[in-house]
Amino acid sequence: MEPSLTNNQKIVLEALEDSEQPLGAYSILFNIEKKGIKSPQQVYRALDKLIEIGAVHKIESLNSYIACKHKDCKARESTSFLICQECQKVYEVLESDLSDKFIKLSQESNFKYFTHNLEIFGICDLCN
């Protein structure tokens, strides 16, 4: 069962789903002001909830957000992305055993793994 979204959350999610590239909060606000959202706080509150439910991911290095395109995405805390340095297109990595590999690596270093945010930069096929 999908969580019920507020009107603001729906508007923010639609803006991200319609975008080909990750968007920063102020870019989102600029794109949706005509729909009644007037303050950055409204955008950030909507983003926080959308991240919590796994509908949106934050790209930390770009300080931007993308809509998750994978139904029933489990990556609410641990995320992995391939990011093109030319066109800024972001590809989510859906390797289910990646966290297991990080757990093993951490244990070998006497470190307790909790979560990860992996961002790998390179050039996509379209830009290469």
N, C-alpha and C. Protein backbone atom coordinates (compact mmCIF):
# COMPACT_ATOMS: atom_id res chain seq x y z
N MET A 1 0.83 -1.18 0.00
CA MET A 1 0.00 0.00 0.00
C MET A 1 0.88 1.25 0.00
N GLU A 2 0.64 2.14 -0.96
CA GLU A 2 1.43 3.36 -1.06
C GLU A 2 0.96 4.36 -0.03
N PRO A 3 1.92 5.10 0.55
CA PRO A 3 1.54 6.12 1.52
C PRO A 3 0.78 7.24 0.83
N SER A 4 -0.13 7.84 1.56
CA SER A 4 -0.90 8.96 1.04
C SER A 4 -0.02 10.20 1.05
N LEU A 5 0.03 10.89 -0.07
CA LEU A 5 0.86 12.09 -0.18
C LEU A 5 0.00 13.34 -0.06
N THR A 6 0.58 14.38 0.55
CA THR A 6 -0.10 15.67 0.60
C THR A 6 -0.02 16.30 -0.78
N ASN A 7 -0.77 17.36 -0.98
CA ASN A 7 -0.75 18.06 -2.27
C ASN A 7 0.66 18.58 -2.58
N ASN A 8 1.33 19.17 -1.59
CA ASN A 8 2.68 19.68 -1.80
C ASN A 8 3.65 18.56 -2.17
N GLN A 9 3.54 17.43 -1.51
CA GLN A 9 4.41 16.29 -1.81
C GLN A 9 4.17 15.80 -3.24
N LYS A 10 2.92 15.75 -3.66
CA LYS A 10 2.61 15.33 -5.02
C LYS A 10 3.21 16.29 -6.04
N ILE A 11 3.09 17.58 -5.78
CA ILE A 11 3.61 18.60 -6.69
C ILE A 11 5.13 18.50 -6.81
N VAL A 12 5.82 18.36 -5.68
CA VAL A 12 7.29 18.24 -5.68
C VAL A 12 7.70 16.95 -6.40
N LEU A 13 7.04 15.85 -6.10
CA LEU A 13 7.37 14.58 -6.74
C LEU A 13 7.16 14.66 -8.26
N GLU A 14 6.07 15.26 -8.70
CA GLU A 14 5.81 15.41 -10.13
C GLU A 14 6.90 16.24 -10.81
N ALA A 15 7.35 17.31 -10.15
CA ALA A 15 8.41 18.14 -10.71
C ALA A 15 9.69 17.32 -10.91
N LEU A 16 10.00 16.48 -9.93
CA LEU A 16 11.20 15.65 -10.04
C LEU A 16 11.03 14.55 -11.09
N GLU A 17 9.84 13.98 -11.16
CA GLU A 17 9.58 12.92 -12.16
C GLU A 17 9.66 13.48 -13.58
N ASP A 18 9.28 14.74 -13.75
CA ASP A 18 9.30 15.36 -15.07
C ASP A 18 10.68 15.83 -15.50
N SER A 19 11.61 15.88 -14.56
CA SER A 19 12.95 16.39 -14.86
C SER A 19 13.88 15.29 -15.35
N GLU A 20 14.69 15.61 -16.33
CA GLU A 20 15.69 14.68 -16.85
C GLU A 20 16.94 14.65 -15.98
N GLN A 21 17.13 15.69 -15.17
CA GLN A 21 18.32 15.82 -14.34
C GLN A 21 17.92 16.06 -12.89
N PRO A 22 18.84 15.84 -11.97
CA PRO A 22 18.57 16.15 -10.56
C PRO A 22 18.29 17.65 -10.40
N LEU A 23 17.44 17.97 -9.45
CA LEU A 23 17.09 19.38 -9.19
C LEU A 23 17.39 19.74 -7.76
N GLY A 24 17.90 20.95 -7.56
CA GLY A 24 18.07 21.49 -6.23
C GLY A 24 16.73 22.00 -5.72
N ALA A 25 16.64 22.21 -4.43
CA ALA A 25 15.37 22.64 -3.82
C ALA A 25 14.87 23.96 -4.41
N TYR A 26 15.78 24.90 -4.67
CA TYR A 26 15.35 26.19 -5.21
C TYR A 26 14.93 26.08 -6.67
N SER A 27 15.53 25.17 -7.42
CA SER A 27 15.07 24.91 -8.79
C SER A 27 13.68 24.30 -8.77
N ILE A 28 13.46 23.40 -7.83
CA ILE A 28 12.12 22.81 -7.68
C ILE A 28 11.12 23.92 -7.38
N LEU A 29 11.46 24.77 -6.41
CA LEU A 29 10.57 25.87 -6.03
C LEU A 29 10.26 26.77 -7.22
N PHE A 30 11.27 27.12 -8.00
CA PHE A 30 11.07 27.96 -9.19
C PHE A 30 10.10 27.30 -10.16
N ASN A 31 10.23 25.98 -10.33
CA ASN A 31 9.39 25.25 -11.29
C ASN A 31 7.94 25.08 -10.82
N ILE A 32 7.69 25.18 -9.51
CA ILE A 32 6.34 24.87 -9.01
C ILE A 32 5.66 26.05 -8.33
N GLU A 33 6.26 27.22 -8.35
CA GLU A 33 5.65 28.37 -7.67
C GLU A 33 4.23 28.65 -8.16
N LYS A 34 3.98 28.42 -9.43
CA LYS A 34 2.65 28.69 -9.99
C LYS A 34 1.60 27.71 -9.48
N LYS A 35 2.05 26.64 -8.82
CA LYS A 35 1.12 25.65 -8.28
C LYS A 35 0.82 25.88 -6.81
N GLY A 36 1.25 27.04 -6.28
CA GLY A 36 0.88 27.40 -4.92
C GLY A 36 1.95 27.22 -3.86
N ILE A 37 3.06 26.63 -4.21
CA ILE A 37 4.14 26.47 -3.23
C ILE A 37 5.04 27.70 -3.35
N LYS A 38 5.14 28.43 -2.25
CA LYS A 38 5.83 29.72 -2.30
C LYS A 38 7.10 29.80 -1.47
N SER A 39 7.35 28.84 -0.58
CA SER A 39 8.52 28.98 0.29
C SER A 39 9.42 27.74 0.21
N PRO A 40 10.73 27.95 0.41
CA PRO A 40 11.65 26.81 0.42
C PRO A 40 11.29 25.79 1.50
N GLN A 41 10.78 26.27 2.64
CA GLN A 41 10.42 25.34 3.72
C GLN A 41 9.37 24.33 3.27
N GLN A 42 8.42 24.77 2.44
CA GLN A 42 7.41 23.84 1.93
C GLN A 42 8.05 22.76 1.06
N VAL A 43 9.02 23.17 0.25
CA VAL A 43 9.72 22.22 -0.62
C VAL A 43 10.53 21.24 0.23
N TYR A 44 11.29 21.76 1.19
CA TYR A 44 12.12 20.89 2.03
C TYR A 44 11.28 19.91 2.85
N ARG A 45 10.14 20.36 3.37
CA ARG A 45 9.27 19.45 4.12
C ARG A 45 8.77 18.32 3.22
N ALA A 46 8.36 18.68 2.01
CA ALA A 46 7.88 17.67 1.07
C ALA A 46 9.02 16.70 0.70
N LEU A 47 10.22 17.24 0.46
CA LEU A 47 11.36 16.40 0.12
C LEU A 47 11.70 15.44 1.25
N ASP A 48 11.69 15.93 2.49
CA ASP A 48 11.99 15.08 3.63
C ASP A 48 11.07 13.87 3.68
N LYS A 49 9.79 14.09 3.49
CA LYS A 49 8.82 12.99 3.54
C LYS A 49 9.01 12.05 2.34
N LEU A 50 9.25 12.62 1.16
CA LEU A 50 9.44 11.80 -0.04
C LEU A 50 10.70 10.94 0.06
N ILE A 51 11.73 11.46 0.70
CA ILE A 51 12.95 10.67 0.94
C ILE A 51 12.64 9.57 1.94
N GLU A 52 11.91 9.91 2.98
CA GLU A 52 11.56 8.94 4.03
C GLU A 52 10.82 7.73 3.46
N ILE A 53 9.95 7.95 2.49
CA ILE A 53 9.17 6.84 1.92
C ILE A 53 9.85 6.19 0.72
N GLY A 54 11.04 6.70 0.32
CA GLY A 54 11.78 6.10 -0.77
C GLY A 54 11.37 6.55 -2.16
N ALA A 55 10.56 7.59 -2.27
CA ALA A 55 10.12 8.08 -3.57
C ALA A 55 11.14 9.01 -4.21
N VAL A 56 12.02 9.58 -3.38
CA VAL A 56 13.03 10.55 -3.83
C VAL A 56 14.35 10.21 -3.16
N HIS A 57 15.44 10.45 -3.88
CA HIS A 57 16.78 10.27 -3.34
C HIS A 57 17.53 11.59 -3.42
N LYS A 58 18.39 11.84 -2.45
CA LYS A 58 19.23 13.03 -2.49
C LYS A 58 20.60 12.65 -3.05
N ILE A 59 21.06 13.46 -3.98
CA ILE A 59 22.41 13.33 -4.51
C ILE A 59 23.26 14.33 -3.73
N GLU A 60 23.98 13.83 -2.74
CA GLU A 60 24.69 14.69 -1.79
C GLU A 60 25.69 15.62 -2.47
N SER A 61 26.51 15.07 -3.36
CA SER A 61 27.58 15.88 -3.96
C SER A 61 27.05 16.99 -4.85
N LEU A 62 25.85 16.83 -5.37
CA LEU A 62 25.24 17.85 -6.22
C LEU A 62 24.22 18.69 -5.45
N ASN A 63 23.99 18.35 -4.19
CA ASN A 63 22.98 19.00 -3.36
C ASN A 63 21.66 19.12 -4.13
N SER A 64 21.25 17.98 -4.68
CA SER A 64 20.04 17.95 -5.49
C SER A 64 19.29 16.64 -5.26
N TYR A 65 18.15 16.52 -5.91
CA TYR A 65 17.23 15.41 -5.67
C TYR A 65 16.76 14.81 -6.98
N ILE A 66 16.47 13.50 -6.94
CA ILE A 66 15.89 12.81 -8.09
C ILE A 66 14.73 11.95 -7.61
N ALA A 67 13.75 11.78 -8.48
CA ALA A 67 12.66 10.85 -8.19
C ALA A 67 13.18 9.44 -8.44
N CYS A 68 12.84 8.53 -7.57
CA CYS A 68 13.23 7.13 -7.76
C CYS A 68 12.33 6.53 -8.83
N LYS A 69 12.95 5.88 -9.78
CA LYS A 69 12.20 5.29 -10.89
C LYS A 69 11.95 3.80 -10.70
N HIS A 70 12.29 3.29 -9.53
CA HIS A 70 12.18 1.86 -9.27
C HIS A 70 11.05 1.59 -8.27
N LYS A 71 10.05 0.87 -8.74
CA LYS A 71 8.91 0.53 -7.87
C LYS A 71 9.41 -0.29 -6.68
N ASP A 72 8.88 0.02 -5.52
CA ASP A 72 9.24 -0.67 -4.29
C ASP A 72 10.73 -0.58 -3.97
N CYS A 73 11.32 0.58 -4.23
CA CYS A 73 12.74 0.78 -3.95
C CYS A 73 13.00 0.62 -2.46
N LYS A 74 14.04 -0.11 -2.15
CA LYS A 74 14.40 -0.36 -0.75
C LYS A 74 15.48 0.61 -0.25
N ALA A 75 16.01 1.43 -1.16
CA ALA A 75 17.13 2.32 -0.82
C ALA A 75 16.64 3.60 -0.16
N ARG A 76 16.23 3.49 1.08
CA ARG A 76 15.80 4.68 1.81
C ARG A 76 16.98 5.33 2.53
N GLU A 77 17.93 4.53 2.93
CA GLU A 77 19.09 5.05 3.64
C GLU A 77 20.38 4.84 2.85
N SER A 78 20.58 3.66 2.32
CA SER A 78 21.80 3.36 1.57
C SER A 78 21.52 3.51 0.09
N THR A 79 22.24 4.44 -0.54
CA THR A 79 22.02 4.69 -1.96
C THR A 79 23.35 4.63 -2.71
N SER A 80 23.26 4.25 -3.99
CA SER A 80 24.43 4.18 -4.86
C SER A 80 24.04 4.72 -6.23
N PHE A 81 24.88 5.64 -6.76
CA PHE A 81 24.56 6.28 -8.03
C PHE A 81 25.79 6.36 -8.92
N LEU A 82 25.55 6.29 -10.23
CA LEU A 82 26.53 6.61 -11.25
C LEU A 82 26.12 7.97 -11.80
N ILE A 83 27.05 8.93 -11.82
CA ILE A 83 26.73 10.30 -12.22
C ILE A 83 27.63 10.70 -13.38
N CYS A 84 27.02 11.10 -14.49
CA CYS A 84 27.79 11.54 -15.65
C CYS A 84 28.30 12.96 -15.40
N GLN A 85 29.61 13.14 -15.55
CA GLN A 85 30.22 14.45 -15.32
C GLN A 85 29.94 15.42 -16.46
N GLU A 86 29.50 14.92 -17.60
CA GLU A 86 29.21 15.78 -18.74
C GLU A 86 27.77 16.30 -18.71
N CYS A 87 26.79 15.38 -18.67
CA CYS A 87 25.37 15.78 -18.77
C CYS A 87 24.64 15.79 -17.44
N GLN A 88 25.30 15.36 -16.37
CA GLN A 88 24.73 15.30 -15.02
C GLN A 88 23.62 14.27 -14.87
N LYS A 89 23.44 13.38 -15.84
CA LYS A 89 22.44 12.32 -15.71
C LYS A 89 22.85 11.38 -14.58
N VAL A 90 21.87 10.94 -13.81
CA VAL A 90 22.12 10.10 -12.65
C VAL A 90 21.45 8.74 -12.87
N TYR A 91 22.20 7.69 -12.64
CA TYR A 91 21.71 6.33 -12.75
C TYR A 91 21.79 5.68 -11.37
N GLU A 92 20.67 5.20 -10.88
CA GLU A 92 20.67 4.52 -9.58
C GLU A 92 21.16 3.09 -9.75
N VAL A 93 22.08 2.68 -8.88
CA VAL A 93 22.62 1.33 -8.89
C VAL A 93 21.73 0.47 -8.00
N LEU A 94 21.22 -0.62 -8.56
CA LEU A 94 20.31 -1.49 -7.82
C LEU A 94 20.95 -2.80 -7.42
N GLU A 95 22.19 -2.77 -7.07
CA GLU A 95 22.92 -3.97 -6.65
C GLU A 95 22.52 -4.32 -5.23
N SER A 96 21.74 -5.36 -5.06
CA SER A 96 21.19 -5.68 -3.74
C SER A 96 22.24 -6.17 -2.75
N ASP A 97 23.34 -6.72 -3.23
CA ASP A 97 24.32 -7.24 -2.29
C ASP A 97 25.44 -6.23 -1.97
N LEU A 98 25.31 -5.01 -2.45
CA LEU A 98 26.34 -3.99 -2.20
C LEU A 98 26.47 -3.70 -0.71
N SER A 99 25.36 -3.58 0.00
CA SER A 99 25.42 -3.35 1.45
C SER A 99 26.09 -4.52 2.15
N ASP A 100 25.83 -5.74 1.69
CA ASP A 100 26.48 -6.92 2.27
C ASP A 100 28.00 -6.85 2.11
N LYS A 101 28.43 -6.38 0.95
CA LYS A 101 29.87 -6.23 0.70
C LYS A 101 30.47 -5.18 1.63
N PHE A 102 29.74 -4.09 1.83
CA PHE A 102 30.24 -3.04 2.73
C PHE A 102 30.26 -3.52 4.18
N ILE A 103 29.29 -4.32 4.57
CA ILE A 103 29.27 -4.89 5.92
C ILE A 103 30.51 -5.76 6.13
N LYS A 104 30.80 -6.61 5.14
CA LYS A 104 31.96 -7.50 5.25
C LYS A 104 33.26 -6.69 5.31
N LEU A 105 33.38 -5.71 4.43
CA LEU A 105 34.56 -4.86 4.41
C LEU A 105 34.73 -4.13 5.74
N SER A 106 33.64 -3.64 6.29
CA SER A 106 33.67 -2.93 7.57
C SER A 106 34.09 -3.86 8.70
N GLN A 107 33.54 -5.07 8.72
CA GLN A 107 33.89 -6.04 9.76
C GLN A 107 35.37 -6.37 9.73
N GLU A 108 35.93 -6.47 8.53
CA GLU A 108 37.36 -6.75 8.39
C GLU A 108 38.21 -5.63 8.98
N SER A 109 37.64 -4.43 9.07
CA SER A 109 38.36 -3.27 9.61
C SER A 109 37.90 -2.93 11.02
N ASN A 110 37.19 -3.88 11.66
CA ASN A 110 36.65 -3.64 13.00
C ASN A 110 35.82 -2.36 13.06
N PHE A 111 34.93 -2.24 12.11
CA PHE A 111 34.09 -1.05 11.97
C PHE A 111 32.66 -1.52 11.81
N LYS A 112 31.73 -0.85 12.44
CA LYS A 112 30.32 -1.24 12.33
C LYS A 112 29.63 -0.40 11.26
N TYR A 113 29.22 -1.06 10.20
CA TYR A 113 28.54 -0.41 9.06
C TYR A 113 27.08 -0.15 9.39
N PHE A 114 26.60 1.03 9.02
CA PHE A 114 25.17 1.36 9.17
C PHE A 114 24.52 1.65 7.82
N THR A 115 25.13 2.54 7.05
CA THR A 115 24.51 2.98 5.81
C THR A 115 25.58 3.55 4.88
N HIS A 116 25.23 3.73 3.62
CA HIS A 116 26.17 4.37 2.70
C HIS A 116 25.45 5.26 1.70
N ASN A 117 26.20 6.19 1.16
CA ASN A 117 25.74 7.04 0.07
C ASN A 117 26.91 7.09 -0.91
N LEU A 118 26.85 6.24 -1.92
CA LEU A 118 27.94 6.08 -2.87
C LEU A 118 27.61 6.82 -4.16
N GLU A 119 28.52 7.69 -4.59
CA GLU A 119 28.35 8.44 -5.83
C GLU A 119 29.60 8.26 -6.66
N ILE A 120 29.44 7.60 -7.81
CA ILE A 120 30.55 7.29 -8.70
C ILE A 120 30.42 8.20 -9.92
N PHE A 121 31.50 8.93 -10.22
CA PHE A 121 31.49 9.88 -11.33
C PHE A 121 32.24 9.32 -12.53
N GLY A 122 31.72 9.59 -13.72
CA GLY A 122 32.34 9.16 -14.96
C GLY A 122 31.60 9.77 -16.13
N ILE A 123 31.67 9.12 -17.27
CA ILE A 123 31.03 9.60 -18.49
C ILE A 123 30.06 8.52 -18.97
N CYS A 124 28.81 8.91 -19.23
CA CYS A 124 27.80 7.94 -19.71
C CYS A 124 28.02 7.64 -21.20
N ASP A 125 27.35 6.62 -21.70
CA ASP A 125 27.48 6.22 -23.10
C ASP A 125 27.08 7.34 -24.05
N LEU A 126 26.07 8.11 -23.70
CA LEU A 126 25.60 9.17 -24.59
C LEU A 126 26.63 10.28 -24.75
N CYS A 127 27.40 10.53 -23.71
CA CYS A 127 28.40 11.61 -23.74
C CYS A 127 29.78 11.14 -24.18
N ASN A 128 30.00 9.84 -24.16
CA ASN A 128 31.30 9.28 -24.48
C ASN A 128 31.60 9.32 -25.95
